[in-house]
Amino acid sequence: MRWTIWDDIRRMQREMDRMFDNFLEREFPSTSLIESRFGGISNFREPLSDIWEDDKEMRVVMEIPGVDKDDIVVTAKDGGLEIKVQRKDEIKEENKNKGFYRIERRYAGFYRHLPLPSDADVEKISATYKNGILELKIPKKEGKKDKEKRIDIK
């Protein structure tokens, strides 16, 4: 097989595509679409989040603008915290004089799954939502931490 200039051009194009894909994933992770469990791309985005933890609790602050408090579902399961928001908008227009009828529906939302520490007290998790900010406080159980133990290798 002979080398041609087109081989180098195709290689450079693949490298540029890879470079831009990596750049976009790093720059805009909060607006990337999430793959659904059924193999397709859903309209759910990952909300911007701040997470910190100390000896007494874990705190999560998420930006979820433009939704009602009733549209937010927070569930503790499988050793993690699942935050789902589905926003539904519907516009109906009808003008009998001009002879048209229009209905538009839009579904979008946010999704985030956070692993919880092993000593998280899921029974005492509290959540507040105000001005587009969801704040979760996850207290830790007293005295339930695993002690550090060195394992000898035989």
N, C-alpha and C. Protein backbone atom coordinates (compact mmCIF):
# COMPACT_ATOMS: atom_id res chain seq x y z
N MET A 1 0.85 -1.17 0.00
CA MET A 1 0.00 0.00 0.00
C MET A 1 0.89 1.24 0.00
N ARG A 2 0.61 2.17 -0.86
CA ARG A 2 1.41 3.38 -0.98
C ARG A 2 0.85 4.49 -0.11
N TRP A 3 1.74 5.23 0.44
CA TRP A 3 1.36 6.40 1.23
C TRP A 3 0.97 7.53 0.29
N THR A 4 -0.10 8.27 0.67
CA THR A 4 -0.48 9.45 -0.09
C THR A 4 -0.67 10.59 0.91
N ILE A 5 -0.72 11.78 0.40
CA ILE A 5 -0.94 12.96 1.24
C ILE A 5 -2.29 12.87 1.94
N TRP A 6 -3.25 12.18 1.32
CA TRP A 6 -4.59 12.06 1.89
C TRP A 6 -4.58 11.22 3.17
N ASP A 7 -3.65 10.29 3.28
CA ASP A 7 -3.53 9.51 4.52
C ASP A 7 -3.20 10.43 5.69
N ASP A 8 -2.27 11.35 5.48
CA ASP A 8 -1.91 12.30 6.54
C ASP A 8 -3.06 13.25 6.86
N ILE A 9 -3.78 13.67 5.84
CA ILE A 9 -4.90 14.59 6.07
C ILE A 9 -5.99 13.90 6.88
N ARG A 10 -6.30 12.64 6.57
CA ARG A 10 -7.30 11.89 7.35
C ARG A 10 -6.84 11.70 8.79
N ARG A 11 -5.57 11.42 9.00
CA ARG A 11 -5.03 11.26 10.34
C ARG A 11 -5.14 12.56 11.13
N MET A 12 -4.81 13.68 10.48
CA MET A 12 -4.92 14.98 11.16
C MET A 12 -6.37 15.30 11.49
N GLN A 13 -7.29 14.96 10.60
CA GLN A 13 -8.70 15.22 10.87
C GLN A 13 -9.18 14.41 12.07
N ARG A 14 -8.78 13.14 12.17
CA ARG A 14 -9.15 12.32 13.33
C ARG A 14 -8.59 12.91 14.61
N GLU A 15 -7.36 13.38 14.58
CA GLU A 15 -6.74 14.00 15.76
C GLU A 15 -7.47 15.27 16.17
N MET A 16 -7.85 16.09 15.18
CA MET A 16 -8.57 17.33 15.48
C MET A 16 -9.96 17.01 16.07
N ASP A 17 -10.64 16.02 15.50
CA ASP A 17 -11.95 15.61 16.03
C ASP A 17 -11.82 15.16 17.48
N ARG A 18 -10.82 14.35 17.77
CA ARG A 18 -10.59 13.86 19.13
C ARG A 18 -10.29 15.03 20.07
N MET A 19 -9.49 15.96 19.62
CA MET A 19 -9.11 17.11 20.44
C MET A 19 -10.34 17.97 20.77
N PHE A 20 -11.18 18.25 19.78
CA PHE A 20 -12.37 19.06 20.02
C PHE A 20 -13.38 18.33 20.89
N ASP A 21 -13.53 17.02 20.70
CA ASP A 21 -14.44 16.25 21.56
C ASP A 21 -14.01 16.35 23.02
N ASN A 22 -12.72 16.17 23.29
CA ASN A 22 -12.21 16.27 24.66
C ASN A 22 -12.39 17.68 25.21
N PHE A 23 -12.16 18.69 24.40
CA PHE A 23 -12.31 20.08 24.85
C PHE A 23 -13.76 20.38 25.23
N LEU A 24 -14.69 19.97 24.41
CA LEU A 24 -16.10 20.25 24.69
C LEU A 24 -16.58 19.51 25.92
N GLU A 25 -16.12 18.28 26.15
CA GLU A 25 -16.52 17.55 27.34
C GLU A 25 -16.00 18.23 28.60
N ARG A 26 -14.79 18.79 28.56
CA ARG A 26 -14.22 19.47 29.73
C ARG A 26 -14.88 20.81 29.96
N GLU A 27 -15.16 21.56 28.90
CA GLU A 27 -15.67 22.92 29.04
C GLU A 27 -17.13 22.99 29.42
N PHE A 28 -17.95 22.05 28.94
CA PHE A 28 -19.39 22.15 29.15
C PHE A 28 -19.97 20.86 29.74
N PRO A 29 -19.46 20.36 30.87
CA PRO A 29 -19.99 19.11 31.39
C PRO A 29 -21.40 19.23 31.93
N SER A 30 -21.78 20.42 32.41
CA SER A 30 -23.10 20.57 33.02
C SER A 30 -24.22 20.60 32.00
N THR A 31 -23.90 20.87 30.75
CA THR A 31 -24.95 20.92 29.74
C THR A 31 -24.92 19.71 28.82
N SER A 32 -24.05 18.76 29.13
CA SER A 32 -24.01 17.58 28.27
C SER A 32 -25.27 16.75 28.48
N LEU A 33 -25.72 16.10 27.43
CA LEU A 33 -26.91 15.28 27.53
C LEU A 33 -26.53 13.95 28.16
N ILE A 34 -27.43 13.41 28.94
CA ILE A 34 -27.20 12.18 29.66
C ILE A 34 -27.78 11.02 28.84
N GLU A 35 -27.04 9.90 28.76
CA GLU A 35 -27.58 8.75 28.05
C GLU A 35 -28.63 8.10 28.93
N SER A 36 -29.75 7.77 28.34
CA SER A 36 -30.83 7.15 29.11
C SER A 36 -30.51 5.69 29.35
N ARG A 37 -31.24 5.08 30.25
CA ARG A 37 -31.04 3.66 30.55
C ARG A 37 -31.46 2.77 29.39
N PHE A 38 -32.20 3.32 28.45
CA PHE A 38 -32.69 2.54 27.33
C PHE A 38 -31.84 2.72 26.08
N GLY A 39 -30.65 3.31 26.23
CA GLY A 39 -29.72 3.39 25.12
C GLY A 39 -29.74 4.66 24.32
N GLY A 40 -30.75 5.50 24.46
CA GLY A 40 -30.81 6.73 23.69
C GLY A 40 -30.33 7.92 24.51
N ILE A 41 -30.35 9.08 23.91
CA ILE A 41 -29.98 10.30 24.61
C ILE A 41 -31.26 10.93 25.15
N SER A 42 -31.24 11.30 26.41
CA SER A 42 -32.41 11.93 27.00
C SER A 42 -32.21 13.43 27.05
N ASN A 43 -33.25 14.14 27.46
CA ASN A 43 -33.18 15.59 27.58
C ASN A 43 -32.73 16.02 28.97
N PHE A 44 -32.18 15.13 29.76
CA PHE A 44 -31.75 15.47 31.10
C PHE A 44 -30.33 15.99 31.07
N ARG A 45 -30.12 17.06 31.83
CA ARG A 45 -28.78 17.62 31.97
C ARG A 45 -28.32 17.43 33.40
N GLU A 46 -27.03 17.46 33.60
CA GLU A 46 -26.47 17.33 34.94
C GLU A 46 -26.35 18.74 35.54
N PRO A 47 -27.01 18.99 36.67
CA PRO A 47 -26.98 20.35 37.23
C PRO A 47 -25.61 20.70 37.81
N LEU A 48 -25.30 21.99 37.81
CA LEU A 48 -24.08 22.46 38.45
C LEU A 48 -24.20 22.19 39.95
N SER A 49 -23.15 21.64 40.55
CA SER A 49 -23.23 21.21 41.94
C SER A 49 -21.96 21.56 42.70
N ASP A 50 -22.15 21.89 43.97
CA ASP A 50 -21.04 22.03 44.91
C ASP A 50 -21.28 21.00 46.00
N ILE A 51 -20.27 20.20 46.29
CA ILE A 51 -20.40 19.13 47.27
C ILE A 51 -19.21 19.23 48.23
N TRP A 52 -19.50 19.20 49.51
CA TRP A 52 -18.42 19.16 50.48
C TRP A 52 -18.83 18.31 51.66
N GLU A 53 -17.83 17.86 52.40
CA GLU A 53 -18.07 16.91 53.47
C GLU A 53 -17.12 17.20 54.61
N ASP A 54 -17.62 17.06 55.83
CA ASP A 54 -16.76 17.14 57.01
C ASP A 54 -17.08 15.94 57.90
N ASP A 55 -16.64 15.99 59.15
CA ASP A 55 -16.85 14.85 60.04
C ASP A 55 -18.31 14.63 60.41
N LYS A 56 -19.12 15.69 60.36
CA LYS A 56 -20.50 15.60 60.83
C LYS A 56 -21.54 15.44 59.72
N GLU A 57 -21.28 16.00 58.54
CA GLU A 57 -22.28 15.94 57.48
C GLU A 57 -21.66 16.12 56.10
N MET A 58 -22.48 15.78 55.11
CA MET A 58 -22.16 16.04 53.71
C MET A 58 -23.21 17.04 53.24
N ARG A 59 -22.77 18.06 52.49
CA ARG A 59 -23.70 19.07 51.99
C ARG A 59 -23.58 19.14 50.48
N VAL A 60 -24.74 19.28 49.83
CA VAL A 60 -24.82 19.37 48.38
C VAL A 60 -25.65 20.60 48.05
N VAL A 61 -25.11 21.47 47.19
CA VAL A 61 -25.84 22.64 46.71
C VAL A 61 -25.87 22.55 45.19
N MET A 62 -27.09 22.54 44.62
CA MET A 62 -27.26 22.39 43.17
C MET A 62 -28.05 23.55 42.61
N GLU A 63 -27.63 23.98 41.43
CA GLU A 63 -28.37 25.01 40.69
C GLU A 63 -29.38 24.31 39.79
N ILE A 64 -30.67 24.50 40.09
CA ILE A 64 -31.74 23.92 39.28
C ILE A 64 -32.73 25.05 38.98
N PRO A 65 -32.39 25.93 38.06
CA PRO A 65 -33.25 27.10 37.81
C PRO A 65 -34.50 26.77 37.01
N GLY A 66 -35.54 27.56 37.25
CA GLY A 66 -36.74 27.52 36.41
C GLY A 66 -37.66 26.36 36.63
N VAL A 67 -37.57 25.68 37.77
CA VAL A 67 -38.48 24.57 38.03
C VAL A 67 -39.23 24.82 39.33
N ASP A 68 -40.37 24.15 39.48
CA ASP A 68 -41.12 24.20 40.72
C ASP A 68 -40.58 23.18 41.70
N LYS A 69 -40.75 23.47 42.97
CA LYS A 69 -40.29 22.56 44.01
C LYS A 69 -40.96 21.19 43.87
N ASP A 70 -42.20 21.17 43.42
CA ASP A 70 -42.93 19.91 43.28
C ASP A 70 -42.40 19.03 42.15
N ASP A 71 -41.61 19.58 41.23
CA ASP A 71 -41.05 18.81 40.12
C ASP A 71 -39.75 18.11 40.49
N ILE A 72 -39.22 18.36 41.68
CA ILE A 72 -37.95 17.79 42.12
C ILE A 72 -38.22 16.54 42.94
N VAL A 73 -37.55 15.44 42.57
CA VAL A 73 -37.67 14.18 43.31
C VAL A 73 -36.27 13.78 43.77
N VAL A 74 -36.10 13.65 45.08
CA VAL A 74 -34.82 13.23 45.67
C VAL A 74 -35.04 11.89 46.34
N THR A 75 -34.24 10.89 45.97
CA THR A 75 -34.39 9.54 46.50
C THR A 75 -33.03 9.02 46.94
N ALA A 76 -33.00 8.44 48.15
CA ALA A 76 -31.78 7.78 48.63
C ALA A 76 -31.95 6.29 48.35
N LYS A 77 -31.07 5.74 47.48
CA LYS A 77 -31.14 4.31 47.17
C LYS A 77 -29.81 3.83 46.62
N ASP A 78 -29.57 2.55 46.77
CA ASP A 78 -28.37 1.90 46.23
C ASP A 78 -27.08 2.60 46.67
N GLY A 79 -27.02 3.05 47.92
CA GLY A 79 -25.80 3.68 48.43
C GLY A 79 -25.54 5.05 47.84
N GLY A 80 -26.57 5.66 47.28
CA GLY A 80 -26.38 6.97 46.67
C GLY A 80 -27.64 7.82 46.77
N LEU A 81 -27.53 9.01 46.26
CA LEU A 81 -28.63 9.97 46.27
C LEU A 81 -28.96 10.29 44.82
N GLU A 82 -30.22 10.13 44.44
CA GLU A 82 -30.66 10.38 43.07
C GLU A 82 -31.54 11.62 43.06
N ILE A 83 -31.16 12.60 42.24
CA ILE A 83 -31.93 13.83 42.10
C ILE A 83 -32.46 13.89 40.68
N LYS A 84 -33.80 13.91 40.54
CA LYS A 84 -34.43 13.97 39.22
C LYS A 84 -35.38 15.15 39.18
N VAL A 85 -35.34 15.86 38.07
CA VAL A 85 -36.27 16.96 37.84
C VAL A 85 -36.76 16.82 36.42
N GLN A 86 -38.09 16.80 36.25
CA GLN A 86 -38.64 16.78 34.91
C GLN A 86 -39.59 17.96 34.78
N ARG A 87 -39.26 18.82 33.85
CA ARG A 87 -40.07 20.02 33.60
C ARG A 87 -40.86 19.80 32.32
N LYS A 88 -42.15 20.08 32.41
CA LYS A 88 -43.03 19.91 31.25
C LYS A 88 -43.65 21.26 30.92
N ASP A 89 -43.55 21.66 29.68
CA ASP A 89 -44.17 22.89 29.21
C ASP A 89 -45.10 22.54 28.06
N GLU A 90 -46.24 23.22 28.02
CA GLU A 90 -47.18 23.00 26.93
C GLU A 90 -47.76 24.35 26.52
N ILE A 91 -47.76 24.60 25.22
CA ILE A 91 -48.33 25.83 24.68
C ILE A 91 -49.46 25.44 23.73
N LYS A 92 -50.62 26.03 23.98
CA LYS A 92 -51.77 25.79 23.08
C LYS A 92 -52.23 27.12 22.51
N GLU A 93 -52.42 27.13 21.21
CA GLU A 93 -52.94 28.32 20.53
C GLU A 93 -54.03 27.88 19.56
N GLU A 94 -55.06 28.69 19.50
CA GLU A 94 -56.13 28.40 18.56
C GLU A 94 -56.70 29.72 18.06
N ASN A 95 -56.85 29.82 16.78
CA ASN A 95 -57.46 31.00 16.18
C ASN A 95 -58.41 30.51 15.09
N LYS A 96 -59.68 30.47 15.42
CA LYS A 96 -60.67 29.94 14.47
C LYS A 96 -60.83 30.87 13.27
N ASN A 97 -60.65 32.18 13.47
CA ASN A 97 -60.78 33.11 12.35
C ASN A 97 -59.71 32.87 11.28
N LYS A 98 -58.49 32.56 11.71
CA LYS A 98 -57.40 32.31 10.75
C LYS A 98 -57.27 30.83 10.42
N GLY A 99 -58.02 29.98 11.12
CA GLY A 99 -58.05 28.56 10.80
C GLY A 99 -56.81 27.78 11.21
N PHE A 100 -56.27 28.05 12.40
CA PHE A 100 -55.14 27.23 12.83
C PHE A 100 -55.27 26.85 14.29
N TYR A 101 -54.64 25.74 14.61
CA TYR A 101 -54.61 25.22 15.96
C TYR A 101 -53.20 24.68 16.18
N ARG A 102 -52.58 25.03 17.29
CA ARG A 102 -51.19 24.61 17.54
C ARG A 102 -51.05 24.17 18.98
N ILE A 103 -50.38 23.04 19.16
CA ILE A 103 -50.00 22.56 20.49
C ILE A 103 -48.52 22.20 20.43
N GLU A 104 -47.75 22.76 21.36
CA GLU A 104 -46.33 22.41 21.46
C GLU A 104 -46.07 21.89 22.86
N ARG A 105 -45.32 20.80 22.93
CA ARG A 105 -44.94 20.22 24.22
C ARG A 105 -43.43 20.11 24.29
N ARG A 106 -42.92 20.37 25.48
CA ARG A 106 -41.47 20.26 25.67
C ARG A 106 -41.23 19.60 27.02
N TYR A 107 -40.35 18.61 27.01
CA TYR A 107 -39.96 17.92 28.23
C TYR A 107 -38.45 18.05 28.38
N ALA A 108 -38.03 18.50 29.52
CA ALA A 108 -36.60 18.62 29.80
C ALA A 108 -36.41 18.47 31.29
N GLY A 109 -35.19 18.30 31.72
CA GLY A 109 -34.98 18.18 33.15
C GLY A 109 -33.52 18.02 33.52
N PHE A 110 -33.33 17.66 34.77
CA PHE A 110 -32.00 17.48 35.33
C PHE A 110 -31.93 16.11 35.98
N TYR A 111 -30.73 15.54 36.00
CA TYR A 111 -30.52 14.26 36.67
C TYR A 111 -29.11 14.23 37.26
N ARG A 112 -29.02 13.73 38.47
CA ARG A 112 -27.69 13.57 39.09
C ARG A 112 -27.76 12.43 40.08
N HIS A 113 -26.77 11.57 40.08
CA HIS A 113 -26.64 10.50 41.07
C HIS A 113 -25.34 10.73 41.82
N LEU A 114 -25.44 10.81 43.13
CA LEU A 114 -24.26 11.05 43.97
C LEU A 114 -24.05 9.87 44.90
N PRO A 115 -22.85 9.32 44.97
CA PRO A 115 -22.60 8.27 45.95
C PRO A 115 -22.58 8.87 47.36
N LEU A 116 -23.15 8.15 48.31
CA LEU A 116 -23.18 8.61 49.69
C LEU A 116 -22.07 7.93 50.48
N PRO A 117 -21.52 8.62 51.49
CA PRO A 117 -20.53 7.97 52.34
C PRO A 117 -21.19 6.81 53.11
N SER A 118 -20.40 5.83 53.50
CA SER A 118 -20.96 4.65 54.17
C SER A 118 -21.61 4.98 55.50
N ASP A 119 -21.22 6.08 56.14
CA ASP A 119 -21.80 6.44 57.43
C ASP A 119 -22.91 7.49 57.31
N ALA A 120 -23.46 7.69 56.13
CA ALA A 120 -24.53 8.67 55.93
C ALA A 120 -25.82 8.16 56.60
N ASP A 121 -26.51 9.05 57.27
CA ASP A 121 -27.78 8.73 57.92
C ASP A 121 -28.91 9.15 56.99
N VAL A 122 -29.35 8.23 56.13
CA VAL A 122 -30.35 8.56 55.11
C VAL A 122 -31.70 8.90 55.71
N GLU A 123 -31.96 8.49 56.93
CA GLU A 123 -33.23 8.79 57.59
C GLU A 123 -33.34 10.27 57.97
N LYS A 124 -32.22 10.96 58.07
CA LYS A 124 -32.22 12.35 58.54
C LYS A 124 -31.80 13.35 57.47
N ILE A 125 -31.85 12.96 56.20
CA ILE A 125 -31.49 13.89 55.13
C ILE A 125 -32.55 14.98 55.04
N SER A 126 -32.10 16.23 54.93
CA SER A 126 -33.04 17.35 54.77
C SER A 126 -32.74 18.07 53.45
N ALA A 127 -33.80 18.62 52.85
CA ALA A 127 -33.66 19.31 51.56
C ALA A 127 -34.47 20.59 51.59
N THR A 128 -33.87 21.66 51.03
CA THR A 128 -34.59 22.92 50.86
C THR A 128 -34.36 23.41 49.43
N TYR A 129 -35.36 24.13 48.91
CA TYR A 129 -35.26 24.67 47.55
C TYR A 129 -35.76 26.10 47.58
N LYS A 130 -34.90 27.01 47.16
CA LYS A 130 -35.27 28.44 47.16
C LYS A 130 -34.48 29.15 46.06
N ASN A 131 -35.17 29.94 45.26
CA ASN A 131 -34.55 30.75 44.20
C ASN A 131 -33.67 29.93 43.26
N GLY A 132 -34.12 28.74 42.89
CA GLY A 132 -33.38 27.92 41.94
C GLY A 132 -32.22 27.14 42.53
N ILE A 133 -32.07 27.15 43.85
CA ILE A 133 -30.96 26.45 44.51
C ILE A 133 -31.53 25.35 45.40
N LEU A 134 -31.11 24.10 45.15
CA LEU A 134 -31.48 22.97 45.97
C LEU A 134 -30.32 22.70 46.93
N GLU A 135 -30.62 22.65 48.21
CA GLU A 135 -29.58 22.37 49.21
C GLU A 135 -29.96 21.12 49.99
N LEU A 136 -29.04 20.17 50.02
CA LEU A 136 -29.25 18.91 50.74
C LEU A 136 -28.23 18.81 51.87
N LYS A 137 -28.70 18.41 53.05
CA LYS A 137 -27.83 18.17 54.19
C LYS A 137 -27.96 16.71 54.57
N ILE A 138 -26.85 16.00 54.50
CA ILE A 138 -26.83 14.57 54.79
C ILE A 138 -25.98 14.36 56.04
N PRO A 139 -26.63 14.20 57.22
CA PRO A 139 -25.84 13.99 58.44
C PRO A 139 -25.20 12.61 58.45
N LYS A 140 -24.14 12.49 59.24
CA LYS A 140 -23.45 11.21 59.38
C LYS A 140 -23.82 10.59 60.72
N LYS A 141 -23.85 9.26 60.74
CA LYS A 141 -24.16 8.54 61.97
C LYS A 141 -22.98 8.63 62.92
N GLU A 142 -23.29 8.75 64.19
CA GLU A 142 -22.25 8.82 65.22
C GLU A 142 -21.66 7.44 65.45
N GLY A 143 -20.34 7.36 65.52
CA GLY A 143 -19.66 6.12 65.90
C GLY A 143 -19.78 4.99 64.92
N LYS A 144 -20.19 5.22 63.70
CA LYS A 144 -20.36 4.15 62.72
C LYS A 144 -19.22 4.08 61.70
N LYS A 145 -18.17 4.86 61.92
CA LYS A 145 -17.07 4.85 60.96
C LYS A 145 -16.28 3.55 61.07
N ASP A 146 -15.85 3.07 59.92
CA ASP A 146 -14.97 1.90 59.91
C ASP A 146 -13.61 2.32 60.43
N LYS A 147 -13.08 1.52 61.34
CA LYS A 147 -11.76 1.83 61.87
C LYS A 147 -10.71 1.36 60.89
N GLU A 148 -9.61 2.06 60.87
CA GLU A 148 -8.52 1.68 59.98
C GLU A 148 -7.80 0.49 60.56
N LYS A 149 -7.55 -0.49 59.72
CA LYS A 149 -6.87 -1.69 60.15
C LYS A 149 -5.92 -2.11 59.06
N ARG A 150 -4.68 -2.33 59.45
CA ARG A 150 -3.67 -2.78 58.48
C ARG A 150 -3.81 -4.28 58.31
N ILE A 151 -3.77 -4.73 57.07
CA ILE A 151 -3.89 -6.13 56.75
C ILE A 151 -2.50 -6.67 56.44
N ASP A 152 -2.09 -7.67 57.17
CA ASP A 152 -0.78 -8.29 56.93
C ASP A 152 -0.87 -9.23 55.74
N ILE A 153 0.14 -9.19 54.91
CA ILE A 153 0.20 -10.06 53.74
C ILE A 153 1.03 -11.27 54.09
N LYS A 154 0.50 -12.43 53.83
CA LYS A 154 1.20 -13.69 54.19
C LYS A 154 1.78 -14.32 52.96
